[in-house]
Protein backbone atom coordinates (compact mmCIF):
# COMPACT_ATOMS: atom_id res chain seq x y z
CA UNK A 1 3.46 -6.79 -5.46
CA UNK A 2 0.44 -4.52 -5.69
CA UNK A 3 -1.96 -3.76 -2.87
CA UNK A 4 -4.15 -2.00 -5.38
CA UNK A 5 -7.80 -1.46 -4.55
CA UNK A 6 -7.37 -2.10 -0.85
CA UNK A 7 -6.61 1.55 -0.06
CA UNK A 8 -9.41 4.07 0.04
CA UNK A 9 -9.74 7.12 -2.25
CA UNK A 10 -8.55 10.45 -0.86
CA UNK A 11 -5.53 9.12 1.01
CA UNK A 12 -2.27 11.03 0.77
CA UNK A 13 0.24 8.74 -0.98
CA UNK A 14 2.87 9.52 1.67
CA UNK A 15 0.51 8.23 4.37
CA UNK A 16 0.70 4.84 2.65
CA UNK A 17 4.35 4.88 1.51
CA UNK A 18 5.95 5.89 4.82
CA UNK A 19 4.63 2.92 6.82
CA UNK A 20 5.58 0.56 4.00
CA UNK A 21 9.19 1.71 4.19
CA UNK A 22 9.24 0.80 7.89
CA UNK A 23 8.16 -2.78 7.12
CA UNK A 24 11.06 -5.25 7.15
CA UNK A 25 11.55 -6.70 3.70
CA UNK A 26 10.33 -3.70 1.69
CA UNK A 27 12.94 -2.21 -0.63
CA UNK A 28 10.80 0.26 -2.60
CA UNK A 29 7.22 1.47 -2.12
CA UNK A 30 5.14 3.84 -4.21
CA UNK A 31 1.51 4.90 -3.96
CA UNK A 32 -0.11 6.39 -7.05
CA UNK A 33 -3.60 7.17 -8.28
CA UNK A 34 -5.32 4.81 -10.70
CA UNK A 35 -8.27 6.15 -12.71
CA UNK A 36 -11.63 4.82 -11.53
CA UNK A 37 -14.96 5.50 -13.27
CA UNK A 38 -16.85 5.78 -9.97
CA UNK A 39 -14.41 7.43 -7.54
CA UNK A 40 -12.39 9.35 -10.11
CA UNK A 41 -9.16 7.90 -8.77
CA UNK A 42 -8.17 5.05 -6.45
CA UNK A 43 -4.83 4.93 -4.63
CA UNK A 44 -2.69 1.92 -5.54
CA UNK A 45 0.44 0.91 -3.65
CA UNK A 46 3.27 -0.96 -5.35
CA UNK A 47 5.92 -2.69 -3.29
CA UNK A 48 9.26 -4.14 -4.36
CA UNK A 49 10.62 -6.58 -1.84
CA UNK A 50 14.23 -6.96 -0.78
CA UNK A 51 15.93 -10.05 -2.12
CA UNK A 52 14.97 -13.03 0.02
CA UNK A 53 12.04 -11.26 1.72
CA UNK A 54 9.06 -13.51 2.32
CA UNK A 55 6.26 -10.98 2.58
CA UNK A 56 2.88 -11.77 1.08
CA UNK A 57 0.17 -9.36 -0.01
CA UNK A 58 -1.85 -10.48 3.02
CA UNK A 59 1.01 -9.68 5.42
CA UNK A 60 1.50 -6.24 3.86
CA UNK A 61 -2.23 -5.45 4.09
CA UNK A 62 -2.40 -6.64 7.72
CA UNK A 63 0.57 -4.41 8.55
CA UNK A 64 -1.00 -1.40 6.81
CA UNK A 65 -4.28 -1.96 8.67
CA UNK A 66 -2.37 -1.74 11.96
CA UNK A 67 -0.35 1.30 10.86
CA UNK A 68 -2.93 3.44 9.07
CA UNK A 69 -6.13 2.03 10.54
CA UNK A 70 -9.48 2.18 8.81
CA UNK A 71 -8.13 3.71 5.58
CA UNK A 72 -7.17 0.20 4.47
CA UNK A 73 -9.95 -2.29 3.86
């Protein structure tokens, strides 16, 4: 699952990864920069779910909005 362009430029990857690891159902999380012609780079978060987890991209984004606030749109 990718929560790609929903995280704003300039965020520290750890600020995105740490809350994801606290979310039940997440096995692996990684935030990396993706080249962007306008911003230079956009953070992208990739999430691997635990077997049997029923998380959706919407649920992950809602959780991140609560955990990291306005940095997620």
